[in-house]
PDB file of N, CA and C in Angstrom:
ATOM      1  N   MET A   1      -6.026   3.228  -6.560  1.00  0.00           N
ATOM      2  CA  MET A   1      -4.658   2.757  -6.594  1.00  0.00           C
ATOM      3  C   MET A   1      -3.904   3.577  -7.621  1.00  0.00           C
ATOM      4  N   GLN A   2      -2.697   3.893  -7.249  1.00  0.00           N
ATOM      5  CA  GLN A   2      -1.803   4.610  -8.158  1.00  0.00           C
ATOM      6  C   GLN A   2      -0.470   3.884  -8.138  1.00  0.00           C
ATOM      7  N   ARG A   3       0.077   3.692  -9.304  1.00  0.00           N
ATOM      8  CA  ARG A   3       1.414   3.117  -9.434  1.00  0.00           C
ATOM      9  C   ARG A   3       2.318   4.203  -9.992  1.00  0.00           C
ATOM     10  N   ALA A   4       3.582   4.146  -9.673  1.00  0.00           N
ATOM     11  CA  ALA A   4       4.522   5.140 -10.179  1.00  0.00           C
ATOM     12  C   ALA A   4       4.636   5.081 -11.701  1.00  0.00           C
ATOM     13  N   TRP A   5       4.232   3.972 -12.303  1.00  0.00           N
ATOM     14  CA  TRP A   5       4.404   3.772 -13.737  1.00  0.00           C
ATOM     15  C   TRP A   5       3.088   3.737 -14.520  1.00  0.00           C
ATOM     16  N   SER A   6       1.945   4.033 -13.888  1.00  0.00           N
ATOM     17  CA  SER A   6       0.676   3.942 -14.623  1.00  0.00           C
ATOM     18  C   SER A   6      -0.347   4.932 -14.101  1.00  0.00           C
ATOM     19  N   ASP A   7      -1.520   4.886 -14.695  1.00  0.00           N
ATOM     20  CA  ASP A   7      -2.612   5.774 -14.316  1.00  0.00           C
ATOM     21  C   ASP A   7      -3.318   5.295 -13.056  1.00  0.00           C
ATOM     22  N   TYR A   8      -4.106   6.186 -12.494  1.00  0.00           N
ATOM     23  CA  TYR A   8      -4.905   5.933 -11.299  1.00  0.00           C
ATOM     24  C   TYR A   8      -6.023   4.935 -11.624  1.00  0.00           C
ATOM     25  N   GLU A   9      -6.365   4.062 -10.663  1.00  0.00           N
ATOM     26  CA  GLU A   9      -7.459   3.107 -10.812  1.00  0.00           C
ATOM     27  C   GLU A   9      -8.421   3.236  -9.634  1.00  0.00           C
ATOM     28  N   ASP A  10      -9.704   3.021  -9.903  1.00  0.00           N
ATOM     29  CA  ASP A  10     -10.738   3.004  -8.864  1.00  0.00           C
ATOM     30  C   ASP A  10     -11.147   1.567  -8.564  1.00  0.00           C
ATOM     31  N   ASP A  11     -11.982   1.410  -7.530  1.00  0.00           N
ATOM     32  CA  ASP A  11     -12.575   0.109  -7.177  1.00  0.00           C
ATOM     33  C   ASP A  11     -11.521  -0.981  -7.028  1.00  0.00           C
ATOM     34  N   ILE A  12     -10.640  -0.789  -6.094  1.00  0.00           N
ATOM     35  CA  ILE A  12      -9.506  -1.682  -5.875  1.00  0.00           C
ATOM     36  C   ILE A  12      -9.915  -2.840  -4.970  1.00  0.00           C
ATOM     37  N   ASP A  13      -9.438  -4.034  -5.315  1.00  0.00           N
ATOM     38  CA  ASP A  13      -9.610  -5.193  -4.442  1.00  0.00           C
ATOM     39  C   ASP A  13      -8.244  -5.852  -4.249  1.00  0.00           C
ATOM     40  N   ILE A  14      -8.205  -6.930  -3.503  1.00  0.00           N
ATOM     41  CA  ILE A  14      -6.929  -7.549  -3.152  1.00  0.00           C
ATOM     42  C   ILE A  14      -6.224  -8.089  -4.393  1.00  0.00           C
ATOM     43  N   GLU A  15      -6.964  -8.483  -5.423  1.00  0.00           N
ATOM     44  CA  GLU A  15      -6.333  -8.960  -6.651  1.00  0.00           C
ATOM     45  C   GLU A  15      -5.549  -7.835  -7.331  1.00  0.00           C
ATOM     46  N   ASN A  16      -6.062  -6.606  -7.283  1.00  0.00           N
ATOM     47  CA  ASN A  16      -5.332  -5.460  -7.821  1.00  0.00           C
ATOM     48  C   ASN A  16      -4.027  -5.243  -7.057  1.00  0.00           C
ATOM     49  N   VAL A  17      -4.090  -5.387  -5.745  1.00  0.00           N
ATOM     50  CA  VAL A  17      -2.896  -5.226  -4.908  1.00  0.00           C
ATOM     51  C   VAL A  17      -1.881  -6.321  -5.233  1.00  0.00           C
ATOM     52  N   GLN A  18      -2.343  -7.558  -5.384  1.00  0.00           N
ATOM     53  CA  GLN A  18      -1.447  -8.658  -5.712  1.00  0.00           C
ATOM     54  C   GLN A  18      -0.742  -8.405  -7.047  1.00  0.00           C
ATOM     55  N   LYS A  19      -1.481  -7.918  -8.023  1.00  0.00           N
ATOM     56  CA  LYS A  19      -0.899  -7.599  -9.328  1.00  0.00           C
ATOM     57  C   LYS A  19       0.128  -6.467  -9.194  1.00  0.00           C
ATOM     58  N   ALA A  20      -0.199  -5.447  -8.414  1.00  0.00           N
ATOM     59  CA  ALA A  20       0.728  -4.332  -8.209  1.00  0.00           C
ATOM     60  C   ALA A  20       2.007  -4.797  -7.514  1.00  0.00           C
ATOM     61  N   ILE A  21       1.899  -5.749  -6.602  1.00  0.00           N
ATOM     62  CA  ILE A  21       3.081  -6.289  -5.924  1.00  0.00           C
ATOM     63  C   ILE A  21       3.996  -6.969  -6.940  1.00  0.00           C
ATOM     64  N   VAL A  22       3.428  -7.806  -7.786  1.00  0.00           N
ATOM     65  CA  VAL A  22       4.219  -8.506  -8.808  1.00  0.00           C
ATOM     66  C   VAL A  22       4.888  -7.495  -9.739  1.00  0.00           C
ATOM     67  N   GLU A  23       4.133  -6.490 -10.171  1.00  0.00           N
ATOM     68  CA  GLU A  23       4.684  -5.471 -11.062  1.00  0.00           C
ATOM     69  C   GLU A  23       5.772  -4.646 -10.370  1.00  0.00           C
ATOM     70  N   THR A  24       5.576  -4.330  -9.104  1.00  0.00           N
ATOM     71  CA  THR A  24       6.560  -3.548  -8.348  1.00  0.00           C
ATOM     72  C   THR A  24       7.871  -4.318  -8.220  1.00  0.00           C
ATOM     73  N   GLN A  25       7.781  -5.602  -7.974  1.00  0.00           N
ATOM     74  CA  GLN A  25       8.989  -6.417  -7.845  1.00  0.00           C
ATOM     75  C   GLN A  25       9.805  -6.400  -9.138  1.00  0.00           C
ATOM     76  N   ALA A  26       9.157  -6.232 -10.272  1.00  0.00           N
ATOM     77  CA  ALA A  26       9.841  -6.244 -11.570  1.00  0.00           C
ATOM     78  C   ALA A  26      10.343  -4.869 -12.003  1.00  0.00           C
ATOM     79  N   MET A  27       9.936  -3.829 -11.317  1.00  0.00           N
ATOM     80  CA  MET A  27      10.287  -2.463 -11.709  1.00  0.00           C
ATOM     81  C   MET A  27      11.681  -2.071 -11.218  1.00  0.00           C
ATOM     82  N   ASP A  28      12.207  -1.001 -11.844  1.00  0.00           N
ATOM     83  CA  ASP A  28      13.445  -0.426 -11.338  1.00  0.00           C
ATOM     84  C   ASP A  28      13.128   0.363 -10.064  1.00  0.00           C
ATOM     85  N   ASP A  29      14.169   0.775  -9.360  1.00  0.00           N
ATOM     86  CA  ASP A  29      13.967   1.444  -8.072  1.00  0.00           C
ATOM     87  C   ASP A  29      13.198   2.753  -8.198  1.00  0.00           C
ATOM     88  N   GLU A  30      13.406   3.477  -9.290  1.00  0.00           N
ATOM     89  CA  GLU A  30      12.745   4.769  -9.462  1.00  0.00           C
ATOM     90  C   GLU A  30      11.231   4.633  -9.582  1.00  0.00           C
ATOM     91  N   HIS A  31      10.764   3.577 -10.239  1.00  0.00           N
ATOM     92  CA  HIS A  31       9.341   3.417 -10.484  1.00  0.00           C
ATOM     93  C   HIS A  31       8.709   2.319  -9.633  1.00  0.00           C
ATOM     94  N   GLY A  32       9.462   1.732  -8.744  1.00  0.00           N
ATOM     95  CA  GLY A  32       8.981   0.600  -7.965  1.00  0.00           C
ATOM     96  C   GLY A  32       8.217   0.986  -6.730  1.00  0.00           C
ATOM     97  N   ALA A  33       7.024   1.541  -6.908  1.00  0.00           N
ATOM     98  CA  ALA A  33       6.170   1.899  -5.768  1.00  0.00           C
ATOM     99  C   ALA A  33       4.720   1.972  -6.218  1.00  0.00           C
ATOM    100  N   PHE A  34       3.818   1.718  -5.274  1.00  0.00           N
ATOM    101  CA  PHE A  34       2.390   1.899  -5.535  1.00  0.00           C
ATOM    102  C   PHE A  34       1.716   2.314  -4.242  1.00  0.00           C
ATOM    103  N   TRP A  35       0.535   2.906  -4.355  1.00  0.00           N
ATOM    104  CA  TRP A  35      -0.190   3.346  -3.167  1.00  0.00           C
ATOM    105  C   TRP A  35      -1.682   3.245  -3.404  1.00  0.00           C
ATOM    106  N   VAL A  36      -2.378   3.080  -2.286  1.00  0.00           N
ATOM    107  CA  VAL A  36      -3.835   2.968  -2.267  1.00  0.00           C
ATOM    108  C   VAL A  36      -4.344   3.879  -1.168  1.00  0.00           C
ATOM    109  N   GLY A  37      -5.417   4.597  -1.453  1.00  0.00           N
ATOM    110  CA  GLY A  37      -6.028   5.466  -0.453  1.00  0.00           C
ATOM    111  C   GLY A  37      -7.500   5.156  -0.291  1.00  0.00           C
ATOM    112  N   THR A  38      -8.034   5.518   0.852  1.00  0.00           N
ATOM    113  CA  THR A  38      -9.470   5.393   1.056  1.00  0.00           C
ATOM    114  C   THR A  38     -10.167   6.489   0.268  1.00  0.00           C
ATOM    115  N   GLU A  39     -11.468   6.362   0.128  1.00  0.00           N
ATOM    116  CA  GLU A  39     -12.226   7.295  -0.703  1.00  0.00           C
ATOM    117  C   GLU A  39     -12.027   8.746  -0.282  1.00  0.00           C
ATOM    118  N   GLU A  40     -12.036   9.008   1.001  1.00  0.00           N
ATOM    119  CA  GLU A  40     -11.845  10.380   1.494  1.00  0.00           C
ATOM    120  C   GLU A  40     -10.373  10.697   1.714  1.00  0.00           C
ATOM    121  N   GLU A  41      -9.500   9.746   1.373  1.00  0.00           N
ATOM    122  CA  GLU A  41      -8.054   9.880   1.536  1.00  0.00           C
ATOM    123  C   GLU A  41      -7.646  10.179   2.970  1.00  0.00           C
ATOM    124  N   GLU A  42      -8.411   9.645   3.918  1.00  0.00           N
ATOM    125  CA  GLU A  42      -8.009   9.751   5.317  1.00  0.00           C
ATOM    126  C   GLU A  42      -6.860   8.786   5.605  1.00  0.00           C
ATOM    127  N   TYR A  43      -6.819   7.690   4.844  1.00  0.00           N
ATOM    128  CA  TYR A  43      -5.754   6.696   4.960  1.00  0.00           C
ATOM    129  C   TYR A  43      -5.163   6.476   3.574  1.00  0.00           C
ATOM    130  N   ILE A  44      -3.846   6.609   3.474  1.00  0.00           N
ATOM    131  CA  ILE A  44      -3.133   6.317   2.242  1.00  0.00           C
ATOM    132  C   ILE A  44      -1.969   5.410   2.623  1.00  0.00           C
ATOM    133  N   LEU A  45      -1.846   4.322   1.904  1.00  0.00           N
ATOM    134  CA  LEU A  45      -0.800   3.351   2.186  1.00  0.00           C
ATOM    135  C   LEU A  45       0.063   3.196   0.942  1.00  0.00           C
ATOM    136  N   GLU A  46       1.361   3.441   1.089  1.00  0.00           N
ATOM    137  CA  GLU A  46       2.308   3.357  -0.023  1.00  0.00           C
ATOM    138  C   GLU A  46       3.373   2.319   0.298  1.00  0.00           C
ATOM    139  N   THR A  47       3.789   1.587  -0.730  1.00  0.00           N
ATOM    140  CA  THR A  47       4.842   0.586  -0.574  1.00  0.00           C
ATOM    141  C   THR A  47       5.818   0.712  -1.725  1.00  0.00           C
ATOM    142  N   ASP A  48       7.115   0.638  -1.403  1.00  0.00           N
ATOM    143  CA  ASP A  48       8.099   0.654  -2.479  1.00  0.00           C
ATOM    144  C   ASP A  48       8.753  -0.718  -2.615  1.00  0.00           C
ATOM    145  N   LYS A  49       9.617  -0.817  -3.590  1.00  0.00           N
ATOM    146  CA  LYS A  49      10.240  -2.091  -3.955  1.00  0.00           C
ATOM    147  C   LYS A  49      11.038  -2.711  -2.807  1.00  0.00           C
ATOM    148  N   SER A  50      11.559  -1.900  -1.904  1.00  0.00           N
ATOM    149  CA  SER A  50      12.357  -2.411  -0.787  1.00  0.00           C
ATOM    150  C   SER A  50      11.512  -2.728   0.442  1.00  0.00           C
ATOM    151  N   LEU A  51      10.193  -2.806   0.270  1.00  0.00           N
ATOM    152  CA  LEU A  51       9.234  -3.139   1.336  1.00  0.00           C
ATOM    153  C   LEU A  51       9.061  -2.029   2.372  1.00  0.00           C
ATOM    154  N   LYS A  52       9.530  -0.844   2.049  1.00  0.00           N
ATOM    155  CA  LYS A  52       9.288   0.297   2.935  1.00  0.00           C
ATOM    156  C   LYS A  52       7.865   0.774   2.697  1.00  0.00           C
ATOM    157  N   MET A  53       7.141   0.930   3.779  1.00  0.00           N
ATOM    158  CA  MET A  53       5.754   1.365   3.702  1.00  0.00           C
ATOM    159  C   MET A  53       5.603   2.703   4.412  1.00  0.00           C
ATOM    160  N   ILE A  54       4.725   3.504   3.865  1.00  0.00           N
ATOM    161  CA  ILE A  54       4.350   4.761   4.496  1.00  0.00           C
ATOM    162  C   ILE A  54       2.834   4.773   4.569  1.00  0.00           C
ATOM    163  N   CYS A  55       2.326   4.996   5.755  1.00  0.00           N
ATOM    164  CA  CYS A  55       0.883   5.132   5.940  1.00  0.00           C
ATOM    165  C   CYS A  55       0.623   6.569   6.373  1.00  0.00           C
ATOM    166  N   ILE A  56      -0.222   7.224   5.631  1.00  0.00           N
ATOM    167  CA  ILE A  56      -0.617   8.585   5.990  1.00  0.00           C
ATOM    168  C   ILE A  56      -2.016   8.500   6.575  1.00  0.00           C
ATOM    169  N   VAL A  57      -2.121   8.917   7.829  1.00  0.00           N
ATOM    170  CA  VAL A  57      -3.383   8.858   8.562  1.00  0.00           C
ATOM    171  C   VAL A  57      -3.677  10.264   9.061  1.00  0.00           C
ATOM    172  N   ASN A  58      -4.778  10.835   8.561  1.00  0.00           N
ATOM    173  CA  ASN A  58      -5.156  12.181   8.968  1.00  0.00           C
ATOM    174  C   ASN A  58      -3.972  13.148   8.905  1.00  0.00           C
ATOM    175  N   ASN A  59      -3.272  13.111   7.772  1.00  0.00           N
ATOM    176  CA  ASN A  59      -2.134  13.987   7.479  1.00  0.00           C
ATOM    177  C   ASN A  59      -0.893  13.713   8.320  1.00  0.00           C
ATOM    178  N   GLN A  60      -0.847  12.588   9.030  1.00  0.00           N
ATOM    179  CA  GLN A  60       0.350  12.196   9.773  1.00  0.00           C
ATOM    180  C   GLN A  60       0.977  10.991   9.087  1.00  0.00           C
ATOM    181  N   GLU A  61       2.289  11.015   8.931  1.00  0.00           N
ATOM    182  CA  GLU A  61       3.012   9.965   8.231  1.00  0.00           C
ATOM    183  C   GLU A  61       3.605   8.969   9.221  1.00  0.00           C
ATOM    184  N   ILE A  62       3.327   7.690   8.991  1.00  0.00           N
ATOM    185  CA  ILE A  62       3.883   6.609   9.804  1.00  0.00           C
ATOM    186  C   ILE A  62       4.700   5.726   8.867  1.00  0.00           C
ATOM    187  N   LYS A  63       5.979   5.516   9.193  1.00  0.00           N
ATOM    188  CA  LYS A  63       6.849   4.683   8.361  1.00  0.00           C
ATOM    189  C   LYS A  63       6.945   3.291   8.968  1.00  0.00           C
ATOM    190  N   TYR A  64       6.996   2.297   8.083  1.00  0.00           N
ATOM    191  CA  TYR A  64       7.054   0.904   8.526  1.00  0.00           C
ATOM    192  C   TYR A  64       7.875   0.096   7.524  1.00  0.00           C
ATOM    193  N   GLN A  65       8.707  -0.802   8.012  1.00  0.00           N
ATOM    194  CA  GLN A  65       9.482  -1.697   7.154  1.00  0.00           C
ATOM    195  C   GLN A  65       8.849  -3.085   7.225  1.00  0.00           C
ATOM    196  N   ALA A  66       8.214  -3.489   6.151  1.00  0.00           N
ATOM    197  CA  ALA A  66       7.595  -4.818   6.110  1.00  0.00           C
ATOM    198  C   ALA A  66       8.681  -5.888   6.017  1.00  0.00           C
ATOM    199  N   LYS A  67       8.345  -7.073   6.484  1.00  0.00           N
ATOM    200  CA  LYS A  67       9.296  -8.177   6.481  1.00  0.00           C
ATOM    201  C   LYS A  67       9.203  -9.025   5.214  1.00  0.00           C
ATOM    202  N   SER A  68       8.050  -8.978   4.535  1.00  0.00           N
ATOM    203  CA  SER A  68       7.858  -9.796   3.339  1.00  0.00           C
ATOM    204  C   SER A  68       6.717  -9.220   2.504  1.00  0.00           C
ATOM    205  N   TRP A  69       6.627  -9.674   1.265  1.00  0.00           N
ATOM    206  CA  TRP A  69       5.519  -9.252   0.414  1.00  0.00           C
ATOM    207  C   TRP A  69       4.195  -9.824   0.917  1.00  0.00           C
ATOM    208  N   ASN A  70       4.228 -10.971   1.591  1.00  0.00           N
ATOM    209  CA  ASN A  70       3.002 -11.514   2.187  1.00  0.00           C
ATOM    210  C   ASN A  70       2.476 -10.581   3.271  1.00  0.00           C
ATOM    211  N   GLU A  71       3.385 -10.019   4.057  1.00  0.00           N
ATOM    212  CA  GLU A  71       2.974  -9.063   5.078  1.00  0.00           C
ATOM    213  C   GLU A  71       2.387  -7.811   4.436  1.00  0.00           C
ATOM    214  N   VAL A  72       3.009  -7.332   3.356  1.00  0.00           N
ATOM    215  CA  VAL A  72       2.483  -6.167   2.631  1.00  0.00           C
ATOM    216  C   VAL A  72       1.056  -6.443   2.181  1.00  0.00           C
ATOM    217  N   GLU A  73       0.845  -7.595   1.586  1.00  0.00           N
ATOM    218  CA  GLU A  73      -0.496  -7.959   1.118  1.00  0.00           C
ATOM    219  C   GLU A  73      -1.497  -7.985   2.265  1.00  0.00           C
ATOM    220  N   ALA A  74      -1.107  -8.554   3.395  1.00  0.00           N
ATOM    221  CA  ALA A  74      -2.001  -8.627   4.554  1.00  0.00           C
ATOM    222  C   ALA A  74      -2.353  -7.229   5.070  1.00  0.00           C
ATOM    223  N   ILE A  75      -1.397  -6.314   5.057  1.00  0.00           N
ATOM    224  CA  ILE A  75      -1.651  -4.954   5.530  1.00  0.00           C
ATOM    225  C   ILE A  75      -2.599  -4.223   4.577  1.00  0.00           C
ATOM    226  N   TYR A  76      -2.402  -4.408   3.267  1.00  0.00           N
ATOM    227  CA  TYR A  76      -3.337  -3.797   2.310  1.00  0.00           C
ATOM    228  C   TYR A  76      -4.738  -4.386   2.456  1.00  0.00           C
ATOM    229  N   GLU A  77      -4.814  -5.660   2.787  1.00  0.00           N
ATOM    230  CA  GLU A  77      -6.129  -6.274   2.992  1.00  0.00           C
ATOM    231  C   GLU A  77      -6.857  -5.602   4.150  1.00  0.00           C
ATOM    232  N   LEU A  78      -6.143  -5.257   5.210  1.00  0.00           N
ATOM    233  CA  LEU A  78      -6.750  -4.531   6.330  1.00  0.00           C
ATOM    234  C   LEU A  78      -7.294  -3.182   5.861  1.00  0.00           C
ATOM    235  N   LEU A  79      -6.507  -2.485   5.042  1.00  0.00           N
ATOM    236  CA  LEU A  79      -6.957  -1.194   4.504  1.00  0.00           C
ATOM    237  C   LEU A  79      -8.213  -1.372   3.661  1.00  0.00           C
ATOM    238  N   LEU A  80      -8.206  -2.358   2.773  1.00  0.00           N
ATOM    239  CA  LEU A  80      -9.353  -2.569   1.882  1.00  0.00           C
ATOM    240  C   LEU A  80     -10.613  -2.986   2.634  1.00  0.00           C
ATOM    241  N   LYS A  81     -10.433  -3.697   3.746  1.00  0.00           N
ATOM    242  CA  LYS A  81     -11.578  -4.095   4.580  1.00  0.00           C
ATOM    243  C   LYS A  81     -12.004  -2.977   5.524  1.00  0.00           C
ATOM    244  N   GLU A  82     -11.264  -1.862   5.484  1.00  0.00           N
ATOM    245  CA  GLU A  82     -11.494  -0.721   6.364  1.00  0.00           C
ATOM    246  C   GLU A  82     -11.353  -1.083   7.833  1.00  0.00           C
ATOM    247  N   ASP A  83     -10.448  -2.022   8.106  1.00  0.00           N
ATOM    248  CA  ASP A  83     -10.099  -2.387   9.480  1.00  0.00           C
ATOM    249  C   ASP A  83      -8.941  -1.484   9.902  1.00  0.00           C
ATOM    250  N   PHE A  84      -9.269  -0.223  10.168  1.00  0.00           N
ATOM    251  CA  PHE A  84      -8.239   0.770  10.442  1.00  0.00           C
ATOM    252  C   PHE A  84      -7.533   0.520  11.769  1.00  0.00           C
ATOM    253  N   ALA A  85      -8.240  -0.019  12.747  1.00  0.00           N
ATOM    254  CA  ALA A  85      -7.597  -0.358  14.019  1.00  0.00           C
ATOM    255  C   ALA A  85      -6.578  -1.471  13.796  1.00  0.00           C
ATOM    256  N   GLY A  86      -6.933  -2.478  13.030  1.00  0.00           N
ATOM    257  CA  GLY A  86      -6.012  -3.559  12.708  1.00  0.00           C
ATOM    258  C   GLY A  86      -4.836  -3.073  11.892  1.00  0.00           C
ATOM    259  N   LEU A  87      -5.086  -2.153  10.972  1.00  0.00           N
ATOM    260  CA  LEU A  87      -4.021  -1.565  10.153  1.00  0.00           C
ATOM    261  C   LEU A  87      -3.017  -0.839  11.039  1.00  0.00           C
ATOM    262  N   MET A  88      -3.512  -0.007  11.936  1.00  0.00           N
ATOM    263  CA  MET A  88      -2.625   0.744  12.814  1.00  0.00           C
ATOM    264  C   MET A  88      -1.827  -0.182  13.735  1.00  0.00           C
ATOM    265  N   GLU A  89      -2.459  -1.245  14.199  1.00  0.00           N
ATOM    266  CA  GLU A  89      -1.766  -2.214  15.043  1.00  0.00           C
ATOM    267  C   GLU A  89      -0.666  -2.919  14.251  1.00  0.00           C
ATOM    268  N   ALA A  90      -0.937  -3.234  12.994  1.00  0.00           N
ATOM    269  CA  ALA A  90       0.026  -3.954  12.155  1.00  0.00           C
ATOM    270  C   ALA A  90       1.278  -3.140  11.867  1.00  0.00           C
ATOM    271  N   ILE A  91       1.137  -1.834  11.746  1.00  0.00           N
ATOM    272  CA  ILE A  91       2.293  -1.001  11.380  1.00  0.00           C
ATOM    273  C   ILE A  91       2.913  -0.277  12.566  1.00  0.00           C
ATOM    274  N   SER A  92       2.423  -0.530  13.751  1.00  0.00           N
ATOM    275  CA  SER A  92       2.968   0.136  14.941  1.00  0.00           C
ATOM    276  C   SER A  92       4.091  -0.665  15.569  1.00  0.00           C
TER     277      SER A  92
END
């Protein structure tokens, strides 16, 4: 996990994502974003303060506008569980 305002972290779980969501909501627009990638960085999921998400899959960028922070959390949970088919379905 990487946040626009802090250092990189390893071994991410859903609690880390929940904390990043709370911190992102409190940040200014310039620093209000965080992203998580898989170990081989085949999938990278980024979210900014306005709920805009970008998923990079095999070097292709897919943009998605989430409807709520709960939806953002659910999508990150798919990434963390490595349910890539579910992730792609959620953002399509």
